[in-house]
Amino acid sequence: MRTAPAAFSPSALQLIVRFEGLNQPGRWPGYKSGITLGYGYDLGYVTVDQFESDWEGCFADAEVDRLGAAVGRRAAEAQRLAPRLSDIRCTPVDSQRVLLTRTIPAYVDLGRRTFPGFDRLPLDAQGALVSLVYNRGGSMIDTPGTDNRREMRAIRDLVPRLDLPAIAEQLESMKRLWDGKGLDGLLRRREAEAALVRSCVAPTGVGKRKARVKTRGHRGRRR
C-alpha cells in the first residue's frame, strides 16, 4: 500500500481538492472522463484490482461489483452508465483517505517519471505539475492530427533546467486547447498551476504569491 509522500505542497493539495471537488458516481464529469469517485478518482483509467484495493472497505460488496463494471469505461459509455449508479455515495472521509494514501502518491510518482529532474524543483512547483498530470496524464504523444501534447513536451525539457518562468508560460499556453469550448474550469486550473509555479520565484522582499484558485466550471479529464 502506498502512503502519503513525506512532503507534498499544501497549496497544490488545496488546488487539486478544490478543482476536482467531491465526485459521486451518479454524476458523469464529462468529455473523456469515466465514472469518477471522490476527489477525481476516475474509474476509466484504473484496473479492477487497483480500484478494489484503493477503496477497500468503503462500499458494500454489491456496490463494489457495480462500480467494478464501470472500470475502463469512458466518455459516452460512462455517461450512459452514470444514472444507474446514482444511489452509491462516496463519503468525504473515505475520499480523503484514498486521495492522501493512494492517489497523491501515485501521481507524485507519475510526475517524477514524466518530468525528469522533478525532485529538484521547489515543492510548490512539484505540486503544480502533479496537479497537471492528475488532470491530463503523463503522455507526450499527440492525439493523431493534433499537437495537443506540445506543452507537455516543452515542460519536460524545461524541468531539468529549473526554468520556472518558462514552465509557468507553458502551463498557460495549454489553455489554447480548451479556450472557447465552455471549459472555463480547465482554463482556471492551468492559470492556478502557473501561478503556483511563479510563486516559487517571487522577488526578494515581496514574498510568495499564492495561487488564486477558482473552481466554478467543468472538472472533467482532458487527456
C-alpha atoms as a PDB file:
ATOM      1  CA  MET A   1       0.000   0.000   0.000  1.00  0.00           C
ATOM      2  CA  ARG A   2       1.305   3.441  -0.912  1.00  0.00           C
ATOM      3  CA  THR A   3       1.477   6.045   1.802  1.00  0.00           C
ATOM      4  CA  ALA A   4       1.273   9.809   1.576  1.00  0.00           C
ATOM      5  CA  PRO A   5       4.514  11.485   0.460  1.00  0.00           C
ATOM      6  CA  ALA A   6       6.757  12.739   3.261  1.00  0.00           C
ATOM      7  CA  ALA A   7       6.377  16.227   1.780  1.00  0.00           C
ATOM      8  CA  PHE A   8       3.724  17.490  -0.598  1.00  0.00           C
ATOM      9  CA  SER A   9       2.766  21.091  -1.282  1.00  0.00           C
ATOM     10  CA  PRO A  10      -0.236  22.102   0.876  1.00  0.00           C
ATOM     11  CA  SER A  11      -1.126  24.720  -1.740  1.00  0.00           C
ATOM     12  CA  ALA A  12      -1.105  22.120  -4.505  1.00  0.00           C
ATOM     13  CA  LEU A  13      -3.218  19.745  -2.421  1.00  0.00           C
ATOM     14  CA  GLN A  14      -5.754  22.515  -1.886  1.00  0.00           C
ATOM     15  CA  LEU A  15      -5.715  23.263  -5.617  1.00  0.00           C
ATOM     16  CA  ILE A  16      -6.393  19.629  -6.513  1.00  0.00           C
ATOM     17  CA  VAL A  17      -9.169  19.218  -3.936  1.00  0.00           C
ATOM     18  CA  ARG A  18     -10.941  22.402  -4.977  1.00  0.00           C
ATOM     19  CA  PHE A  19     -10.795  21.783  -8.698  1.00  0.00           C
ATOM     20  CA  GLU A  20     -11.681  18.113  -8.505  1.00  0.00           C
ATOM     21  CA  GLY A  21     -14.492  18.535  -5.989  1.00  0.00           C
ATOM     22  CA  LEU A  22     -16.142  15.573  -4.278  1.00  0.00           C
ATOM     23  CA  ASN A  23     -17.367  13.442  -7.153  1.00  0.00           C
ATOM     24  CA  GLN A  24     -20.203  10.947  -6.890  1.00  0.00           C
ATOM     25  CA  PRO A  25     -20.547   8.025  -9.331  1.00  0.00           C
ATOM     26  CA  GLY A  26     -24.014   9.043 -10.485  1.00  0.00           C
ATOM     27  CA  ARG A  27     -22.757  12.307 -11.967  1.00  0.00           C
ATOM     28  CA  TRP A  28     -20.511  11.917 -15.013  1.00  0.00           C
ATOM     29  CA  PRO A  29     -17.875  14.728 -15.193  1.00  0.00           C
ATOM     30  CA  GLY A  30     -17.902  14.920 -18.987  1.00  0.00           C
ATOM     31  CA  TYR A  31     -15.672  14.719 -22.073  1.00  0.00           C
ATOM     32  CA  LYS A  32     -13.255  11.733 -21.875  1.00  0.00           C
ATOM     33  CA  SER A  33     -13.877  11.013 -18.190  1.00  0.00           C
ATOM     34  CA  GLY A  34     -15.052   7.757 -16.780  1.00  0.00           C
ATOM     35  CA  ILE A  35     -17.202   7.275 -13.710  1.00  0.00           C
ATOM     36  CA  THR A  36     -15.402   9.345 -11.085  1.00  0.00           C
ATOM     37  CA  LEU A  37     -15.283   8.831  -7.329  1.00  0.00           C
ATOM     38  CA  GLY A  38     -14.191  11.143  -4.527  1.00  0.00           C
ATOM     39  CA  TYR A  39     -11.503  13.664  -5.404  1.00  0.00           C
ATOM     40  CA  GLY A  40     -11.018  12.871  -9.070  1.00  0.00           C
ATOM     41  CA  TYR A  41     -10.571   9.088  -8.855  1.00  0.00           C
ATOM     42  CA  ASP A  42     -11.501   8.130 -12.413  1.00  0.00           C
ATOM     43  CA  LEU A  43     -12.584   4.519 -12.918  1.00  0.00           C
ATOM     44  CA  GLY A  44     -11.994   4.916 -16.634  1.00  0.00           C
ATOM     45  CA  TYR A  45      -8.228   4.892 -16.072  1.00  0.00           C
ATOM     46  CA  VAL A  46      -7.639   2.173 -13.454  1.00  0.00           C
ATOM     47  CA  THR A  47      -7.867  -1.606 -13.258  1.00  0.00           C
ATOM     48  CA  VAL A  48     -10.443  -3.579 -11.273  1.00  0.00           C
ATOM     49  CA  ASP A  49      -7.756  -4.800  -8.870  1.00  0.00           C
ATOM     50  CA  GLN A  50      -6.488  -1.255  -8.339  1.00  0.00           C
ATOM     51  CA  PHE A  51      -9.977   0.094  -7.655  1.00  0.00           C
ATOM     52  CA  GLU A  52     -10.819  -2.695  -5.213  1.00  0.00           C
ATOM     53  CA  SER A  53      -7.530  -2.259  -3.362  1.00  0.00           C
ATOM     54  CA  ASP A  54      -7.710   1.532  -3.192  1.00  0.00           C
ATOM     55  CA  TRP A  55     -11.323   1.658  -1.996  1.00  0.00           C
ATOM     56  CA  GLU A  56     -11.288  -1.434   0.220  1.00  0.00           C
ATOM     57  CA  GLY A  57     -13.879  -1.171   2.977  1.00  0.00           C
ATOM     58  CA  CYS A  58     -15.590   1.910   1.515  1.00  0.00           C
ATOM     59  CA  PHE A  59     -18.514   0.239  -0.270  1.00  0.00           C
ATOM     60  CA  ALA A  60     -20.784  -2.767   0.217  1.00  0.00           C
ATOM     61  CA  ASP A  61     -19.868  -5.852  -1.806  1.00  0.00           C
ATOM     62  CA  ALA A  62     -22.723  -5.349  -4.249  1.00  0.00           C
ATOM     63  CA  GLU A  63     -21.651  -1.724  -4.793  1.00  0.00           C
ATOM     64  CA  VAL A  64     -18.070  -2.813  -5.433  1.00  0.00           C
ATOM     65  CA  ASP A  65     -19.330  -5.189  -8.128  1.00  0.00           C
ATOM     66  CA  ARG A  66     -21.419  -2.472  -9.782  1.00  0.00           C
ATOM     67  CA  LEU A  67     -18.611   0.074  -9.698  1.00  0.00           C
ATOM     68  CA  GLY A  68     -16.162  -2.551 -10.929  1.00  0.00           C
ATOM     69  CA  ALA A  69     -18.300  -2.917 -14.042  1.00  0.00           C
ATOM     70  CA  ALA A  70     -17.568   0.770 -14.782  1.00  0.00           C
ATOM     71  CA  VAL A  71     -13.790   0.290 -14.795  1.00  0.00           C
ATOM     72  CA  GLY A  72     -12.306   1.200 -18.181  1.00  0.00           C
ATOM     73  CA  ARG A  73     -15.484   2.839 -19.464  1.00  0.00           C
ATOM     74  CA  ARG A  74     -15.039   6.406 -20.629  1.00  0.00           C
ATOM     75  CA  ALA A  75     -16.791   9.231 -22.473  1.00  0.00           C
ATOM     76  CA  ALA A  76     -20.274   8.381 -23.821  1.00  0.00           C
ATOM     77  CA  GLU A  77     -20.156   4.844 -22.423  1.00  0.00           C
ATOM     78  CA  ALA A  78     -19.574   6.203 -18.912  1.00  0.00           C
ATOM     79  CA  GLN A  79     -22.233   8.869 -19.428  1.00  0.00           C
ATOM     80  CA  ARG A  80     -24.832   6.189 -20.156  1.00  0.00           C
ATOM     81  CA  LEU A  81     -23.804   4.171 -17.118  1.00  0.00           C
ATOM     82  CA  ALA A  82     -23.799   7.007 -14.551  1.00  0.00           C
ATOM     83  CA  PRO A  83     -27.573   7.201 -13.850  1.00  0.00           C
ATOM     84  CA  ARG A  84     -27.562   3.545 -12.800  1.00  0.00           C
ATOM     85  CA  LEU A  85     -25.005   4.317 -10.076  1.00  0.00           C
ATOM     86  CA  SER A  86     -26.727   7.350  -8.557  1.00  0.00           C
ATOM     87  CA  ASP A  87     -27.625   5.506  -5.335  1.00  0.00           C
ATOM     88  CA  ILE A  88     -23.965   4.848  -4.489  1.00  0.00           C
ATOM     89  CA  ARG A  89     -22.279   7.557  -2.417  1.00  0.00           C
ATOM     90  CA  CYS A  90     -18.640   8.347  -1.611  1.00  0.00           C
ATOM     91  CA  THR A  91     -18.128   9.772   1.869  1.00  0.00           C
ATOM     92  CA  PRO A  92     -15.745  12.723   2.396  1.00  0.00           C
ATOM     93  CA  VAL A  93     -13.735  10.686   4.921  1.00  0.00           C
ATOM     94  CA  ASP A  94     -13.194   7.747   2.567  1.00  0.00           C
ATOM     95  CA  SER A  95     -12.479  10.070  -0.342  1.00  0.00           C
ATOM     96  CA  GLN A  96      -9.851  11.999   1.595  1.00  0.00           C
ATOM     97  CA  ARG A  97      -8.170   8.793   2.731  1.00  0.00           C
ATOM     98  CA  VAL A  98      -7.938   7.484  -0.834  1.00  0.00           C
ATOM     99  CA  LEU A  99      -6.642  10.828  -2.063  1.00  0.00           C
ATOM    100  CA  LEU A 100      -3.885  11.111   0.536  1.00  0.00           C
ATOM    101  CA  THR A 101      -2.760   7.484   0.787  1.00  0.00           C
ATOM    102  CA  ARG A 102      -3.296   6.258  -2.778  1.00  0.00           C
ATOM    103  CA  THR A 103      -3.910   8.911  -5.397  1.00  0.00           C
ATOM    104  CA  ILE A 104      -1.429  11.644  -4.470  1.00  0.00           C
ATOM    105  CA  PRO A 105       1.493   9.198  -4.017  1.00  0.00           C
ATOM    106  CA  ALA A 106       0.667   7.581  -7.371  1.00  0.00           C
ATOM    107  CA  TYR A 107       0.625  10.921  -9.167  1.00  0.00           C
ATOM    108  CA  VAL A 108       3.804  12.133  -7.478  1.00  0.00           C
ATOM    109  CA  ASP A 109       5.402   9.000  -8.942  1.00  0.00           C
ATOM    110  CA  LEU A 110       3.877   9.794 -12.333  1.00  0.00           C
ATOM    111  CA  GLY A 111       5.119  13.390 -12.162  1.00  0.00           C
ATOM    112  CA  ARG A 112       8.599  12.108 -11.375  1.00  0.00           C
ATOM    113  CA  ARG A 113       8.541   9.714 -14.358  1.00  0.00           C
ATOM    114  CA  THR A 114       7.007  12.268 -16.703  1.00  0.00           C
ATOM    115  CA  PHE A 115       9.351  15.153 -15.923  1.00  0.00           C
ATOM    116  CA  PRO A 116      12.982  14.117 -15.297  1.00  0.00           C
ATOM    117  CA  GLY A 117      14.505  16.477 -12.729  1.00  0.00           C
ATOM    118  CA  PHE A 118      11.145  16.777 -10.924  1.00  0.00           C
ATOM    119  CA  ASP A 119      12.710  16.295  -7.482  1.00  0.00           C
ATOM    120  CA  ARG A 120      14.989  19.324  -7.939  1.00  0.00           C
ATOM    121  CA  LEU A 121      12.022  21.680  -8.295  1.00  0.00           C
ATOM    122  CA  PRO A 122      10.622  23.672  -5.338  1.00  0.00           C
ATOM    123  CA  LEU A 123       7.813  21.841  -3.548  1.00  0.00           C
ATOM    124  CA  ASP A 124       5.044  24.120  -4.878  1.00  0.00           C
ATOM    125  CA  ALA A 125       6.296  23.709  -8.455  1.00  0.00           C
ATOM    126  CA  GLN A 126       6.331  19.954  -7.990  1.00  0.00           C
ATOM    127  CA  GLY A 127       2.762  20.162  -6.724  1.00  0.00           C
ATOM    128  CA  ALA A 128       1.635  22.187  -9.737  1.00  0.00           C
ATOM    129  CA  LEU A 129       3.000  19.501 -12.062  1.00  0.00           C
ATOM    130  CA  VAL A 130       1.318  16.779 -10.010  1.00  0.00           C
ATOM    131  CA  SER A 131      -1.964  18.654 -10.495  1.00  0.00           C
ATOM    132  CA  LEU A 132      -1.232  18.765 -14.216  1.00  0.00           C
ATOM    133  CA  VAL A 133      -0.635  15.032 -14.642  1.00  0.00           C
ATOM    134  CA  TYR A 134      -3.546  14.321 -12.283  1.00  0.00           C
ATOM    135  CA  ASN A 135      -5.758  16.115 -14.784  1.00  0.00           C
ATOM    136  CA  ARG A 136      -4.080  15.278 -18.104  1.00  0.00           C
ATOM    137  CA  GLY A 137      -1.968  12.172 -17.557  1.00  0.00           C
ATOM    138  CA  GLY A 138       1.699  11.932 -18.479  1.00  0.00           C
ATOM    139  CA  SER A 139       1.625  11.135 -22.189  1.00  0.00           C
ATOM    140  CA  MET A 140       3.929  13.045 -24.539  1.00  0.00           C
ATOM    141  CA  ILE A 141       2.279  11.657 -27.695  1.00  0.00           C
ATOM    142  CA  ASP A 142      -0.149  13.850 -29.590  1.00  0.00           C
ATOM    143  CA  THR A 143      -3.604  12.636 -30.464  1.00  0.00           C
ATOM    144  CA  PRO A 144      -3.392  11.920 -34.223  1.00  0.00           C
ATOM    145  CA  GLY A 145      -3.902  15.058 -36.260  1.00  0.00           C
ATOM    146  CA  THR A 146      -3.276  17.399 -33.313  1.00  0.00           C
ATOM    147  CA  ASP A 147      -0.418  18.918 -31.339  1.00  0.00           C
ATOM    148  CA  ASN A 148      -2.255  18.619 -28.020  1.00  0.00           C
ATOM    149  CA  ARG A 149       0.799  17.440 -26.039  1.00  0.00           C
ATOM    150  CA  ARG A 150       3.135  20.159 -27.293  1.00  0.00           C
ATOM    151  CA  GLU A 151       3.341  21.986 -23.972  1.00  0.00           C
ATOM    152  CA  MET A 152       3.810  18.728 -22.057  1.00  0.00           C
ATOM    153  CA  ARG A 153       6.933  18.042 -24.089  1.00  0.00           C
ATOM    154  CA  ALA A 154       8.148  21.599 -23.593  1.00  0.00           C
ATOM    155  CA  ILE A 155       7.731  21.330 -19.808  1.00  0.00           C
ATOM    156  CA  ARG A 156       9.567  18.003 -19.837  1.00  0.00           C
ATOM    157  CA  ASP A 157      12.521  19.759 -21.476  1.00  0.00           C
ATOM    158  CA  LEU A 158      12.363  22.776 -19.151  1.00  0.00           C
ATOM    159  CA  VAL A 159      12.233  20.940 -15.821  1.00  0.00           C
ATOM    160  CA  PRO A 160      15.900  19.814 -15.826  1.00  0.00           C
ATOM    161  CA  ARG A 161      16.847  23.455 -16.472  1.00  0.00           C
ATOM    162  CA  LEU A 162      14.741  24.568 -13.479  1.00  0.00           C
ATOM    163  CA  ASP A 163      13.269  27.299 -15.701  1.00  0.00           C
ATOM    164  CA  LEU A 164      10.231  28.092 -13.569  1.00  0.00           C
ATOM    165  CA  PRO A 165       9.003  31.161 -15.507  1.00  0.00           C
ATOM    166  CA  ALA A 166       9.068  29.204 -18.767  1.00  0.00           C
ATOM    167  CA  ILE A 167       7.263  26.250 -17.155  1.00  0.00           C
ATOM    168  CA  ALA A 168       4.532  28.630 -15.989  1.00  0.00           C
ATOM    169  CA  GLU A 169       4.244  30.057 -19.505  1.00  0.00           C
ATOM    170  CA  GLN A 170       3.766  26.574 -20.948  1.00  0.00           C
ATOM    171  CA  LEU A 171       1.048  25.782 -18.419  1.00  0.00           C
ATOM    172  CA  GLU A 172      -0.833  28.874 -19.526  1.00  0.00           C
ATOM    173  CA  SER A 173      -0.185  28.093 -23.198  1.00  0.00           C
ATOM    174  CA  MET A 174      -2.200  24.887 -22.779  1.00  0.00           C
ATOM    175  CA  LYS A 175      -5.337  26.965 -22.433  1.00  0.00           C
ATOM    176  CA  ARG A 176      -5.423  27.095 -26.254  1.00  0.00           C
ATOM    177  CA  LEU A 177      -6.776  23.533 -26.168  1.00  0.00           C
ATOM    178  CA  TRP A 178      -9.995  24.467 -24.340  1.00  0.00           C
ATOM    179  CA  ASP A 179     -10.437  28.189 -24.970  1.00  0.00           C
ATOM    180  CA  GLY A 180     -13.924  28.978 -26.254  1.00  0.00           C
ATOM    181  CA  LYS A 181     -15.220  25.455 -25.615  1.00  0.00           C
ATOM    182  CA  GLY A 182     -17.149  26.170 -22.422  1.00  0.00           C
ATOM    183  CA  LEU A 183     -14.468  24.539 -20.274  1.00  0.00           C
ATOM    184  CA  ASP A 184     -13.558  27.527 -18.135  1.00  0.00           C
ATOM    185  CA  GLY A 185     -12.704  25.357 -15.136  1.00  0.00           C
ATOM    186  CA  LEU A 186      -9.765  23.937 -17.065  1.00  0.00           C
ATOM    187  CA  LEU A 187      -8.590  27.398 -18.055  1.00  0.00           C
ATOM    188  CA  ARG A 188      -8.645  28.476 -14.420  1.00  0.00           C
ATOM    189  CA  ARG A 189      -6.866  25.321 -13.318  1.00  0.00           C
ATOM    190  CA  ARG A 190      -3.967  25.941 -15.707  1.00  0.00           C
ATOM    191  CA  GLU A 191      -3.815  29.564 -14.532  1.00  0.00           C
ATOM    192  CA  ALA A 192      -3.716  28.450 -10.893  1.00  0.00           C
ATOM    193  CA  GLU A 193      -0.964  25.923 -11.603  1.00  0.00           C
ATOM    194  CA  ALA A 194       1.061  28.572 -13.434  1.00  0.00           C
ATOM    195  CA  ALA A 195       0.602  31.000 -10.529  1.00  0.00           C
ATOM    196  CA  LEU A 196       1.764  28.341  -8.083  1.00  0.00           C
ATOM    197  CA  VAL A 197       4.941  27.793 -10.114  1.00  0.00           C
ATOM    198  CA  ARG A 198       5.548  31.549 -10.327  1.00  0.00           C
ATOM    199  CA  SER A 199       5.096  31.843  -6.562  1.00  0.00           C
ATOM    200  CA  CYS A 200       8.379  29.970  -6.213  1.00  0.00           C
ATOM    201  CA  VAL A 201      10.304  32.783  -7.927  1.00  0.00           C
ATOM    202  CA  ALA A 202       8.743  35.832  -6.277  1.00  0.00           C
ATOM    203  CA  PRO A 203      11.200  38.755  -5.958  1.00  0.00           C
ATOM    204  CA  THR A 204      13.044  39.093  -2.660  1.00  0.00           C
ATOM    205  CA  GLY A 205      11.049  41.182  -0.204  1.00  0.00           C
ATOM    206  CA  VAL A 206       7.765  40.650  -1.974  1.00  0.00           C
ATOM    207  CA  GLY A 207       7.050  37.232  -0.502  1.00  0.00           C
ATOM    208  CA  LYS A 208       5.491  34.231  -2.135  1.00  0.00           C
ATOM    209  CA  ARG A 209       2.315  34.853  -4.022  1.00  0.00           C
ATOM    210  CA  LYS A 210      -0.409  32.369  -3.508  1.00  0.00           C
ATOM    211  CA  ALA A 211      -2.171  30.794  -6.471  1.00  0.00           C
ATOM    212  CA  ARG A 212      -5.721  32.098  -6.621  1.00  0.00           C
ATOM    213  CA  VAL A 213      -7.893  29.079  -7.094  1.00  0.00           C
ATOM    214  CA  LYS A 214     -11.340  29.475  -8.637  1.00  0.00           C
ATOM    215  CA  THR A 215     -13.232  26.292  -9.118  1.00  0.00           C
ATOM    216  CA  ARG A 216     -16.512  27.028 -10.848  1.00  0.00           C
ATOM    217  CA  GLY A 217     -16.707  25.289 -14.185  1.00  0.00           C
ATOM    218  CA  HIS A 218     -16.040  21.919 -15.806  1.00  0.00           C
ATOM    219  CA  ARG A 219     -13.803  19.452 -13.971  1.00  0.00           C
ATOM    220  CA  GLY A 220     -13.673  16.550 -16.420  1.00  0.00           C
ATOM    221  CA  ARG A 221     -10.459  14.872 -17.518  1.00  0.00           C
ATOM    222  CA  ARG A 222      -8.741  16.392 -20.516  1.00  0.00           C
ATOM    223  CA  ARG A 223      -6.347  13.724 -21.604  1.00  0.00           C
END
